[in-house]
Amino acid sequence: ESGGGLVQAGGSLRLSCGASGIIFSTNVVDWYRQAPGKQR
């Protein structure tokens, strides 16, 4: 993954997930997130 950073509320970011050894178009791909002290 890449593209994270610090942004002000109301702003935008675009995250990327690149892969080797797997073809995304033939698989289901999910995004998850995990904040400190919280469940994924």
Full PDB file with SEQRES, HELIX, SHEET, SSBOND, CRYST1, ORIGX, SCALE, CONECT and MASTER records, all heavy atoms in Angstrom:
SEQRES   1 A   40  GLU SER GLY GLY GLY LEU VAL GLN ALA GLY GLY SER LEU          
SEQRES   2 A   40  ARG LEU SER CYS GLY ALA SER GLY ILE ILE PHE SER THR          
SEQRES   3 A   40  ASN VAL VAL ASP TRP TYR ARG GLN ALA PRO GLY LYS GLN          
SEQRES   4 A   40  ARG                                                          
HELIX    1 AA1 PHE A   24  THR A   26  5                                   3    
CRYST1    1.000    1.000    1.000  90.00  90.00  90.00 P 1           1          
ORIGX1      1.000000  0.000000  0.000000        0.00000                         
ORIGX2      0.000000  1.000000  0.000000        0.00000                         
ORIGX3      0.000000  0.000000  1.000000        0.00000                         
SCALE1      1.000000  0.000000  0.000000        0.00000                         
SCALE2      0.000000  1.000000  0.000000        0.00000                         
SCALE3      0.000000  0.000000  1.000000        0.00000                         
ATOM      1  N   GLU A   1       0.830  -1.193   0.000  1.00  0.00           N  
ATOM      2  CA  GLU A   1       0.000   0.000   0.000  1.00  0.00           C  
ATOM      3  C   GLU A   1       0.868   1.248   0.000  1.00  0.00           C  
ATOM      4  O   GLU A   1       2.005   1.234   0.502  1.00  0.00           O  
ATOM      5  CB  GLU A   1      -0.909   0.056   1.240  1.00  0.00           C  
ATOM      6  CG  GLU A   1      -1.851  -1.113   1.404  1.00  0.00           C  
ATOM      7  CD  GLU A   1      -1.268  -2.187   2.292  1.00  0.00           C  
ATOM      8  OE1 GLU A   1      -0.023  -2.248   2.424  1.00  0.00           O  
ATOM      9  OE2 GLU A   1      -2.037  -2.983   2.862  1.00  0.00           O  
ATOM     10  N   SER A   2       0.319   2.319  -0.531  1.00  0.00           N  
ATOM     11  CA  SER A   2       0.981   3.612  -0.509  1.00  0.00           C  
ATOM     12  C   SER A   2      -0.071   4.711  -0.609  1.00  0.00           C  
ATOM     13  O   SER A   2      -1.240   4.429  -0.889  1.00  0.00           O  
ATOM     14  CB  SER A   2       1.992   3.729  -1.651  1.00  0.00           C  
ATOM     15  OG  SER A   2       1.330   3.628  -2.896  1.00  0.00           O  
ATOM     16  N   GLY A   3       0.368   5.937  -0.368  1.00  0.00           N  
ATOM     17  CA  GLY A   3      -0.521   7.073  -0.557  1.00  0.00           C  
ATOM     18  C   GLY A   3      -1.061   7.696   0.716  1.00  0.00           C  
ATOM     19  O   GLY A   3      -1.755   8.709   0.662  1.00  0.00           O  
ATOM     20  N   GLY A   4      -0.755   7.102   1.847  1.00  0.00           N  
ATOM     21  CA  GLY A   4      -1.225   7.676   3.097  1.00  0.00           C  
ATOM     22  C   GLY A   4      -0.510   8.980   3.419  1.00  0.00           C  
ATOM     23  O   GLY A   4       0.451   9.371   2.750  1.00  0.00           O  
ATOM     24  N   GLY A   5      -1.007   9.640   4.453  1.00  0.00           N  
ATOM     25  CA  GLY A   5      -0.388  10.885   4.870  1.00  0.00           C  
ATOM     26  C   GLY A   5      -1.252  11.640   5.842  1.00  0.00           C  
ATOM     27  O   GLY A   5      -2.225  11.097   6.387  1.00  0.00           O  
ATOM     28  N   LEU A   6      -0.878  12.879   6.063  1.00  0.00           N  
ATOM     29  CA  LEU A   6      -1.611  13.768   6.969  1.00  0.00           C  
ATOM     30  C   LEU A   6      -2.435  14.742   6.139  1.00  0.00           C  
ATOM     31  O   LEU A   6      -1.913  15.376   5.209  1.00  0.00           O  
ATOM     32  CB  LEU A   6      -0.622  14.533   7.853  1.00  0.00           C  
ATOM     33  CG  LEU A   6      -1.192  15.615   8.763  1.00  0.00           C  
ATOM     34  CD1 LEU A   6      -2.134  15.011   9.791  1.00  0.00           C  
ATOM     35  CD2 LEU A   6      -0.062  16.381   9.442  1.00  0.00           C  
ATOM     36  N   VAL A   7      -3.711  14.845   6.465  1.00  0.00           N  
ATOM     37  CA  VAL A   7      -4.606  15.713   5.709  1.00  0.00           C  
ATOM     38  C   VAL A   7      -5.578  16.364   6.685  1.00  0.00           C  
ATOM     39  O   VAL A   7      -5.903  15.783   7.721  1.00  0.00           O  
ATOM     40  CB  VAL A   7      -5.344  14.911   4.619  1.00  0.00           C  
ATOM     41  CG1 VAL A   7      -6.236  13.842   5.227  1.00  0.00           C  
ATOM     42  CG2 VAL A   7      -6.110  15.816   3.683  1.00  0.00           C  
ATOM     43  N   GLN A   8      -6.040  17.543   6.344  1.00  0.00           N  
ATOM     44  CA  GLN A   8      -7.031  18.216   7.179  1.00  0.00           C  
ATOM     45  C   GLN A   8      -8.412  17.641   6.919  1.00  0.00           C  
ATOM     46  O   GLN A   8      -8.692  17.109   5.832  1.00  0.00           O  
ATOM     47  CB  GLN A   8      -7.042  19.710   6.894  1.00  0.00           C  
ATOM     48  CG  GLN A   8      -5.820  20.447   7.408  1.00  0.00           C  
ATOM     49  CD  GLN A   8      -5.945  21.946   7.264  1.00  0.00           C  
ATOM     50  OE1 GLN A   8      -6.653  22.453   6.394  1.00  0.00           O  
ATOM     51  NE2 GLN A   8      -5.259  22.676   8.138  1.00  0.00           N  
ATOM     52  N   ALA A   9      -9.267  17.772   7.901  1.00  0.00           N  
ATOM     53  CA  ALA A   9     -10.650  17.321   7.732  1.00  0.00           C  
ATOM     54  C   ALA A   9     -11.266  17.998   6.514  1.00  0.00           C  
ATOM     55  O   ALA A   9     -11.053  19.186   6.275  1.00  0.00           O  
ATOM     56  CB  ALA A   9     -11.454  17.639   8.986  1.00  0.00           C  
ATOM     57  N   GLY A  10     -11.997  17.203   5.752  1.00  0.00           N  
ATOM     58  CA  GLY A  10     -12.589  17.691   4.520  1.00  0.00           C  
ATOM     59  C   GLY A  10     -11.730  17.462   3.294  1.00  0.00           C  
ATOM     60  O   GLY A  10     -12.196  17.637   2.164  1.00  0.00           O  
ATOM     61  N   GLY A  11     -10.496  17.066   3.521  1.00  0.00           N  
ATOM     62  CA  GLY A  11      -9.575  16.844   2.423  1.00  0.00           C  
ATOM     63  C   GLY A  11      -9.712  15.469   1.799  1.00  0.00           C  
ATOM     64  O   GLY A  11     -10.611  14.685   2.154  1.00  0.00           O  
ATOM     65  N   SER A  12      -8.795  15.178   0.876  1.00  0.00           N  
ATOM     66  CA  SER A  12      -8.846  13.925   0.126  1.00  0.00           C  
ATOM     67  C   SER A  12      -7.471  13.272   0.078  1.00  0.00           C  
ATOM     68  O   SER A  12      -6.442  13.947   0.151  1.00  0.00           O  
ATOM     69  CB  SER A  12      -9.313  14.179  -1.311  1.00  0.00           C  
ATOM     70  OG  SER A  12     -10.614  14.717  -1.350  1.00  0.00           O  
ATOM     71  N   LEU A  13      -7.487  11.964  -0.056  1.00  0.00           N  
ATOM     72  CA  LEU A  13      -6.287  11.174  -0.306  1.00  0.00           C  
ATOM     73  C   LEU A  13      -6.671  10.034  -1.232  1.00  0.00           C  
ATOM     74  O   LEU A  13      -7.818   9.567  -1.210  1.00  0.00           O  
ATOM     75  CB  LEU A  13      -5.709  10.599   0.991  1.00  0.00           C  
ATOM     76  CG  LEU A  13      -4.913  11.514   1.910  1.00  0.00           C  
ATOM     77  CD1 LEU A  13      -4.580  10.773   3.202  1.00  0.00           C  
ATOM     78  CD2 LEU A  13      -3.648  12.006   1.242  1.00  0.00           C  
ATOM     79  N   ARG A  14      -5.696   9.571  -2.000  1.00  0.00           N  
ATOM     80  CA  ARG A  14      -5.908   8.362  -2.792  1.00  0.00           C  
ATOM     81  C   ARG A  14      -4.857   7.337  -2.400  1.00  0.00           C  
ATOM     82  O   ARG A  14      -3.658   7.578  -2.544  1.00  0.00           O  
ATOM     83  CB  ARG A  14      -5.832   8.628  -4.288  1.00  0.00           C  
ATOM     84  CG  ARG A  14      -6.243   7.408  -5.101  1.00  0.00           C  
ATOM     85  CD  ARG A  14      -6.229   7.638  -6.599  1.00  0.00           C  
ATOM     86  NE  ARG A  14      -4.895   7.574  -7.153  1.00  0.00           N  
ATOM     87  CZ  ARG A  14      -4.627   7.307  -8.427  1.00  0.00           C  
ATOM     88  NH1 ARG A  14      -5.632   7.089  -9.272  1.00  0.00           N  
ATOM     89  NH2 ARG A  14      -3.382   7.300  -8.861  1.00  0.00           N  
ATOM     90  N   LEU A  15      -5.329   6.212  -1.911  1.00  0.00           N  
ATOM     91  CA  LEU A  15      -4.448   5.119  -1.548  1.00  0.00           C  
ATOM     92  C   LEU A  15      -4.326   4.153  -2.723  1.00  0.00           C  
ATOM     93  O   LEU A  15      -5.265   3.975  -3.491  1.00  0.00           O  
ATOM     94  CB  LEU A  15      -4.987   4.374  -0.332  1.00  0.00           C  
ATOM     95  CG  LEU A  15      -5.316   5.213   0.909  1.00  0.00           C  
ATOM     96  CD1 LEU A  15      -5.764   4.306   2.045  1.00  0.00           C  
ATOM     97  CD2 LEU A  15      -4.139   6.065   1.314  1.00  0.00           C  
ATOM     98  N   SER A  16      -3.162   3.524  -2.805  1.00  0.00           N  
ATOM     99  CA  SER A  16      -2.915   2.520  -3.841  1.00  0.00           C  
ATOM    100  C   SER A  16      -2.499   1.216  -3.181  1.00  0.00           C  
ATOM    101  O   SER A  16      -1.816   1.223  -2.146  1.00  0.00           O  
ATOM    102  CB  SER A  16      -1.807   2.977  -4.780  1.00  0.00           C  
ATOM    103  OG  SER A  16      -2.133   4.184  -5.432  1.00  0.00           O  
ATOM    104  N   CYS A  17      -2.878   0.127  -3.802  1.00  0.00           N  
ATOM    105  CA  CYS A  17      -2.425  -1.201  -3.383  1.00  0.00           C  
ATOM    106  C   CYS A  17      -1.917  -1.908  -4.626  1.00  0.00           C  
ATOM    107  O   CYS A  17      -2.697  -2.212  -5.528  1.00  0.00           O  
ATOM    108  CB  CYS A  17      -3.551  -1.982  -2.738  1.00  0.00           C  
ATOM    109  SG  CYS A  17      -3.086  -3.673  -2.278  1.00  0.00           S  
ATOM    110  N   GLY A  18      -0.613  -2.139  -4.666  1.00  0.00           N  
ATOM    111  CA  GLY A  18      -0.015  -2.876  -5.755  1.00  0.00           C  
ATOM    112  C   GLY A  18       0.276  -4.299  -5.321  1.00  0.00           C  
ATOM    113  O   GLY A  18       0.364  -4.587  -4.124  1.00  0.00           O  
ATOM    114  N   ALA A  19       0.415  -5.179  -6.306  1.00  0.00           N  
ATOM    115  CA  ALA A  19       0.605  -6.586  -5.963  1.00  0.00           C  
ATOM    116  C   ALA A  19       1.624  -7.256  -6.863  1.00  0.00           C  
ATOM    117  O   ALA A  19       1.775  -6.892  -8.036  1.00  0.00           O  
ATOM    118  CB  ALA A  19      -0.718  -7.340  -6.065  1.00  0.00           C  
ATOM    119  N   SER A  20       2.293  -8.218  -6.301  1.00  0.00           N  
ATOM    120  CA  SER A  20       3.113  -9.140  -7.070  1.00  0.00           C  
ATOM    121  C   SER A  20       2.683 -10.547  -6.693  1.00  0.00           C  
ATOM    122  O   SER A  20       2.319 -10.803  -5.544  1.00  0.00           O  
ATOM    123  CB  SER A  20       4.597  -8.926  -6.769  1.00  0.00           C  
ATOM    124  OG  SER A  20       4.865  -9.125  -5.397  1.00  0.00           O  
ATOM    125  N   GLY A  21       2.656 -11.433  -7.673  1.00  0.00           N  
ATOM    126  CA  GLY A  21       2.285 -12.812  -7.409  1.00  0.00           C  
ATOM    127  C   GLY A  21       0.804 -13.073  -7.386  1.00  0.00           C  
ATOM    128  O   GLY A  21       0.371 -14.186  -7.083  1.00  0.00           O  
ATOM    129  N   ILE A  22       0.018 -12.073  -7.695  1.00  0.00           N  
ATOM    130  CA  ILE A  22      -1.431 -12.240  -7.708  1.00  0.00           C  
ATOM    131  C   ILE A  22      -2.007 -11.237  -8.688  1.00  0.00           C  
ATOM    132  O   ILE A  22      -1.484 -10.126  -8.830  1.00  0.00           O  
ATOM    133  CB  ILE A  22      -2.016 -12.052  -6.295  1.00  0.00           C  
ATOM    134  CG1 ILE A  22      -3.437 -12.605  -6.209  1.00  0.00           C  
ATOM    135  CG2 ILE A  22      -1.977 -10.600  -5.867  1.00  0.00           C  
ATOM    136  CD1 ILE A  22      -3.933 -12.743  -4.779  1.00  0.00           C  
ATOM    137  N   ILE A  23      -3.059 -11.647  -9.389  1.00  0.00           N  
ATOM    138  CA  ILE A  23      -3.710 -10.770 -10.350  1.00  0.00           C  
ATOM    139  C   ILE A  23      -5.000 -10.258  -9.731  1.00  0.00           C  
ATOM    140  O   ILE A  23      -5.923 -11.031  -9.454  1.00  0.00           O  
ATOM    141  CB  ILE A  23      -4.009 -11.515 -11.660  1.00  0.00           C  
ATOM    142  CG1 ILE A  23      -2.725 -12.126 -12.231  1.00  0.00           C  
ATOM    143  CG2 ILE A  23      -4.656 -10.573 -12.665  1.00  0.00           C  
ATOM    144  CD1 ILE A  23      -1.649 -11.122 -12.554  1.00  0.00           C  
ATOM    145  N   PHE A  24      -5.082  -8.965  -9.520  1.00  0.00           N  
ATOM    146  CA  PHE A  24      -6.246  -8.414  -8.833  1.00  0.00           C  
ATOM    147  C   PHE A  24      -7.544  -8.653  -9.603  1.00  0.00           C  
ATOM    148  O   PHE A  24      -8.586  -8.871  -8.994  1.00  0.00           O  
ATOM    149  CB  PHE A  24      -6.060  -6.916  -8.600  1.00  0.00           C  
ATOM    150  CG  PHE A  24      -5.230  -6.574  -7.396  1.00  0.00           C  
ATOM    151  CD1 PHE A  24      -4.501  -5.398  -7.355  1.00  0.00           C  
ATOM    152  CD2 PHE A  24      -5.180  -7.419  -6.291  1.00  0.00           C  
ATOM    153  CE1 PHE A  24      -3.735  -5.064  -6.244  1.00  0.00           C  
ATOM    154  CE2 PHE A  24      -4.423  -7.094  -5.181  1.00  0.00           C  
ATOM    155  CZ  PHE A  24      -3.697  -5.909  -5.158  1.00  0.00           C  
ATOM    156  N   SER A  25      -7.506  -8.629 -10.909  1.00  0.00           N  
ATOM    157  CA  SER A  25      -8.741  -8.734 -11.679  1.00  0.00           C  
ATOM    158  C   SER A  25      -9.397 -10.108 -11.555  1.00  0.00           C  
ATOM    159  O   SER A  25     -10.567 -10.269 -11.904  1.00  0.00           O  
ATOM    160  CB  SER A  25      -8.484  -8.416 -13.153  1.00  0.00           C  
ATOM    161  OG  SER A  25      -7.570  -9.340 -13.694  1.00  0.00           O  
ATOM    162  N   THR A  26      -8.665 -11.085 -11.057  1.00  0.00           N  
ATOM    163  CA  THR A  26      -9.218 -12.426 -10.869  1.00  0.00           C  
ATOM    164  C   THR A  26      -9.505 -12.742  -9.410  1.00  0.00           C  
ATOM    165  O   THR A  26      -9.766 -13.889  -9.048  1.00  0.00           O  
ATOM    166  CB  THR A  26      -8.275 -13.497 -11.436  1.00  0.00           C  
ATOM    167  OG1 THR A  26      -7.030 -13.461 -10.721  1.00  0.00           O  
ATOM    168  CG2 THR A  26      -8.013 -13.268 -12.918  1.00  0.00           C  
ATOM    169  N   ASN A  27      -9.443 -11.722  -8.574  1.00  0.00           N  
ATOM    170  CA  ASN A  27      -9.679 -11.909  -7.145  1.00  0.00           C  
ATOM    171  C   ASN A  27     -10.525 -10.776  -6.575  1.00  0.00           C  
ATOM    172  O   ASN A  27     -10.569  -9.676  -7.124  1.00  0.00           O  
ATOM    173  CB  ASN A  27      -8.345 -11.926  -6.391  1.00  0.00           C  
ATOM    174  CG  ASN A  27      -7.552 -13.184  -6.660  1.00  0.00           C  
ATOM    175  OD1 ASN A  27      -7.742 -14.213  -6.023  1.00  0.00           O  
ATOM    176  ND2 ASN A  27      -6.654 -13.101  -7.648  1.00  0.00           N  
ATOM    177  N   VAL A  28     -11.162 -11.066  -5.457  1.00  0.00           N  
ATOM    178  CA  VAL A  28     -11.844 -10.038  -4.685  1.00  0.00           C  
ATOM    179  C   VAL A  28     -10.796  -9.323  -3.834  1.00  0.00           C  
ATOM    180  O   VAL A  28      -9.950  -9.984  -3.203  1.00  0.00           O  
ATOM    181  CB  VAL A  28     -12.925 -10.653  -3.779  1.00  0.00           C  
ATOM    182  CG1 VAL A  28     -13.550  -9.594  -2.887  1.00  0.00           C  
ATOM    183  CG2 VAL A  28     -13.983 -11.351  -4.633  1.00  0.00           C  
ATOM    184  N   VAL A  29     -10.830  -8.013  -3.828  1.00  0.00           N  
ATOM    185  CA  VAL A  29      -9.869  -7.238  -3.055  1.00  0.00           C  
ATOM    186  C   VAL A  29     -10.632  -6.330  -2.082  1.00  0.00           C  
ATOM    187  O   VAL A  29     -11.602  -5.670  -2.453  1.00  0.00           O  
ATOM    188  CB  VAL A  29      -8.979  -6.374  -3.967  1.00  0.00           C  
ATOM    189  CG1 VAL A  29      -7.963  -5.594  -3.129  1.00  0.00           C  
ATOM    190  CG2 VAL A  29      -8.268  -7.253  -4.990  1.00  0.00           C  
ATOM    191  N   ASP A  30     -10.185  -6.346  -0.858  1.00  0.00           N  
ATOM    192  CA  ASP A  30     -10.798  -5.525   0.184  1.00  0.00           C  
ATOM    193  C   ASP A  30      -9.801  -4.500   0.715  1.00  0.00           C  
ATOM    194  O   ASP A  30      -8.595  -4.746   0.737  1.00  0.00           O  
ATOM    195  CB  ASP A  30     -11.242  -6.391   1.368  1.00  0.00           C  
ATOM    196  CG  ASP A  30     -12.357  -7.351   1.011  1.00  0.00           C  
ATOM    197  OD1 ASP A  30     -13.512  -6.909   0.970  1.00  0.00           O  
ATOM    198  OD2 ASP A  30     -12.057  -8.538   0.776  1.00  0.00           O  
ATOM    199  N   TRP A  31     -10.356  -3.397   1.202  1.00  0.00           N  
ATOM    200  CA  TRP A  31      -9.593  -2.460   2.032  1.00  0.00           C  
ATOM    201  C   TRP A  31     -10.145  -2.564   3.450  1.00  0.00           C  
ATOM    202  O   TRP A  31     -11.371  -2.601   3.652  1.00  0.00           O  
ATOM    203  CB  TRP A  31      -9.740  -1.021   1.553  1.00  0.00           C  
ATOM    204  CG  TRP A  31      -8.897  -0.657   0.384  1.00  0.00           C  
ATOM    205  CD1 TRP A  31      -9.269  -0.621  -0.924  1.00  0.00           C  
ATOM    206  CD2 TRP A  31      -7.525  -0.253   0.420  1.00  0.00           C  
ATOM    207  NE1 TRP A  31      -8.220  -0.224  -1.710  1.00  0.00           N  
ATOM    208  CE2 TRP A  31      -7.131   0.021  -0.916  1.00  0.00           C  
ATOM    209  CE3 TRP A  31      -6.581  -0.082   1.437  1.00  0.00           C  
ATOM    210  CZ2 TRP A  31      -5.839   0.443  -1.251  1.00  0.00           C  
ATOM    211  CZ3 TRP A  31      -5.303   0.345   1.106  1.00  0.00           C  
ATOM    212  CH2 TRP A  31      -4.945   0.596  -0.225  1.00  0.00           C  
ATOM    213  N   TYR A  32      -9.232  -2.617   4.411  1.00  0.00           N  
ATOM    214  CA  TYR A  32      -9.564  -2.558   5.823  1.00  0.00           C  
ATOM    215  C   TYR A  32      -8.817  -1.372   6.435  1.00  0.00           C  
ATOM    216  O   TYR A  32      -7.896  -0.816   5.828  1.00  0.00           O  
ATOM    217  CB  TYR A  32      -9.099  -3.833   6.545  1.00  0.00           C  
ATOM    218  CG  TYR A  32      -9.972  -5.041   6.350  1.00  0.00           C  
ATOM    219  CD1 TYR A  32      -9.916  -5.798   5.189  1.00  0.00           C  
ATOM    220  CD2 TYR A  32     -10.862  -5.447   7.351  1.00  0.00           C  
ATOM    221  CE1 TYR A  32     -10.719  -6.921   5.021  1.00  0.00           C  
ATOM    222  CE2 TYR A  32     -11.664  -6.569   7.194  1.00  0.00           C  
ATOM    223  CZ  TYR A  32     -11.580  -7.293   6.027  1.00  0.00           C  
ATOM    224  OH  TYR A  32     -12.371  -8.400   5.872  1.00  0.00           O  
ATOM    225  N   ARG A  33      -9.223  -1.040   7.655  1.00  0.00           N  
ATOM    226  CA  ARG A  33      -8.479  -0.036   8.396  1.00  0.00           C  
ATOM    227  C   ARG A  33      -8.442  -0.411   9.867  1.00  0.00           C  
ATOM    228  O   ARG A  33      -9.330  -1.120  10.358  1.00  0.00           O  
ATOM    229  CB  ARG A  33      -9.079   1.355   8.221  1.00  0.00           C  
ATOM    230  CG  ARG A  33     -10.469   1.543   8.789  1.00  0.00           C  
ATOM    231  CD  ARG A  33     -10.997   2.927   8.393  1.00  0.00           C  
ATOM    232  NE  ARG A  33     -12.343   3.180   8.927  1.00  0.00           N  
ATOM    233  CZ  ARG A  33     -13.064   4.253   8.644  1.00  0.00           C  
ATOM    234  NH1 ARG A  33     -12.570   5.191   7.817  1.00  0.00           N  
ATOM    235  NH2 ARG A  33     -14.265   4.411   9.170  1.00  0.00           N  
ATOM    236  N   GLN A  34      -7.403   0.055  10.519  1.00  0.00           N  
ATOM    237  CA  GLN A  34      -7.263  -0.229  11.948  1.00  0.00           C  
ATOM    238  C   GLN A  34      -6.711   0.995  12.653  1.00  0.00           C  
ATOM    239  O   GLN A  34      -5.607   1.463  12.325  1.00  0.00           O  
ATOM    240  CB  GLN A  34      -6.352  -1.430  12.188  1.00  0.00           C  
ATOM    241  CG  GLN A  34      -6.304  -1.838  13.653  1.00  0.00           C  
ATOM    242  CD  GLN A  34      -5.867  -3.265  13.850  1.00  0.00           C  
ATOM    243  OE1 GLN A  34      -5.201  -3.850  12.998  1.00  0.00           O  
ATOM    244  NE2 GLN A  34      -6.249  -3.849  14.976  1.00  0.00           N  
ATOM    245  N   ALA A  35      -7.496   1.490  13.593  1.00  0.00           N  
ATOM    246  CA  ALA A  35      -7.072   2.612  14.420  1.00  0.00           C  
ATOM    247  C   ALA A  35      -6.507   2.067  15.722  1.00  0.00           C  
ATOM    248  O   ALA A  35      -6.876   0.971  16.161  1.00  0.00           O  
ATOM    249  CB  ALA A  35      -8.250   3.537  14.693  1.00  0.00           C  
ATOM    250  N   PRO A  36      -5.617   2.812  16.363  1.00  0.00           N  
ATOM    251  CA  PRO A  36      -5.025   2.342  17.623  1.00  0.00           C  
ATOM    252  C   PRO A  36      -6.102   2.026  18.657  1.00  0.00           C  
ATOM    253  O   PRO A  36      -7.023   2.811  18.875  1.00  0.00           O  
ATOM    254  CB  PRO A  36      -4.173   3.538  18.064  1.00  0.00           C  
ATOM    255  CG  PRO A  36      -3.846   4.252  16.808  1.00  0.00           C  
ATOM    256  CD  PRO A  36      -5.062   4.101  15.943  1.00  0.00           C  
ATOM    257  N   GLY A  37      -5.985   0.849  19.252  1.00  0.00           N  
ATOM    258  CA  GLY A  37      -6.920   0.460  20.299  1.00  0.00           C  
ATOM    259  C   GLY A  37      -8.275  -0.006  19.800  1.00  0.00           C  
ATOM    260  O   GLY A  37      -9.157  -0.294  20.605  1.00  0.00           O  
ATOM    261  N   LYS A  38      -8.442  -0.095  18.492  1.00  0.00           N  
ATOM    262  CA  LYS A  38      -9.724  -0.512  17.928  1.00  0.00           C  
ATOM    263  C   LYS A  38      -9.554  -1.759  17.085  1.00  0.00           C  
ATOM    264  O   LYS A  38      -8.453  -2.072  16.622  1.00  0.00           O  
ATOM    265  CB  LYS A  38     -10.336   0.612  17.092  1.00  0.00           C  
ATOM    266  CG  LYS A  38     -10.722   1.844  17.892  1.00  0.00           C  
ATOM    267  CD  LYS A  38     -11.453   2.836  17.018  1.00  0.00           C  
ATOM    268  CE  LYS A  38     -11.910   4.053  17.817  1.00  0.00           C  
ATOM    269  NZ  LYS A  38     -12.645   5.028  16.968  1.00  0.00           N  
ATOM    270  N   GLN A  39     -10.658  -2.453  16.873  1.00  0.00           N  
ATOM    271  CA  GLN A  39     -10.614  -3.640  16.022  1.00  0.00           C  
ATOM    272  C   GLN A  39     -10.460  -3.232  14.565  1.00  0.00           C  
ATOM    273  O   GLN A  39     -10.865  -2.143  14.143  1.00  0.00           O  
ATOM    274  CB  GLN A  39     -11.913  -4.439  16.194  1.00  0.00           C  
ATOM    275  CG  GLN A  39     -12.006  -5.189  17.516  1.00  0.00           C  
ATOM    276  CD  GLN A  39     -13.171  -6.155  17.538  1.00  0.00           C  
ATOM    277  OE1 GLN A  39     -14.186  -5.923  16.886  1.00  0.00           O  
ATOM    278  NE2 GLN A  39     -13.030  -7.233  18.279  1.00  0.00           N  
ATOM    279  N   ARG A  40      -9.876  -4.140  13.803  1.00  0.00           N  
ATOM    280  CA  ARG A  40      -9.756  -3.904  12.371  1.00  0.00           C  
ATOM    281  C   ARG A  40     -11.154  -3.819  11.774  1.00  0.00           C  
ATOM    282  O   ARG A  40     -12.034  -4.624  12.079  1.00  0.00           O  
ATOM    283  CB  ARG A  40      -8.944  -5.022  11.745  1.00  0.00           C  
ATOM    284  CG  ARG A  40      -8.533  -4.788  10.317  1.00  0.00           C  
ATOM    285  CD  ARG A  40      -7.465  -5.774   9.886  1.00  0.00           C  
ATOM    286  NE  ARG A  40      -6.197  -5.490  10.559  1.00  0.00           N  
ATOM    287  CZ  ARG A  40      -5.085  -6.193  10.340  1.00  0.00           C  
ATOM    288  NH1 ARG A  40      -5.085  -7.200   9.496  1.00  0.00           N  
ATOM    289  NH2 ARG A  40      -3.980  -5.887  10.989  1.00  0.00           N  
TER     290      ARG A  40                                                      
MASTER        0    0    0    1    0    0    0    6  289    1    0    4          
END                                                                             
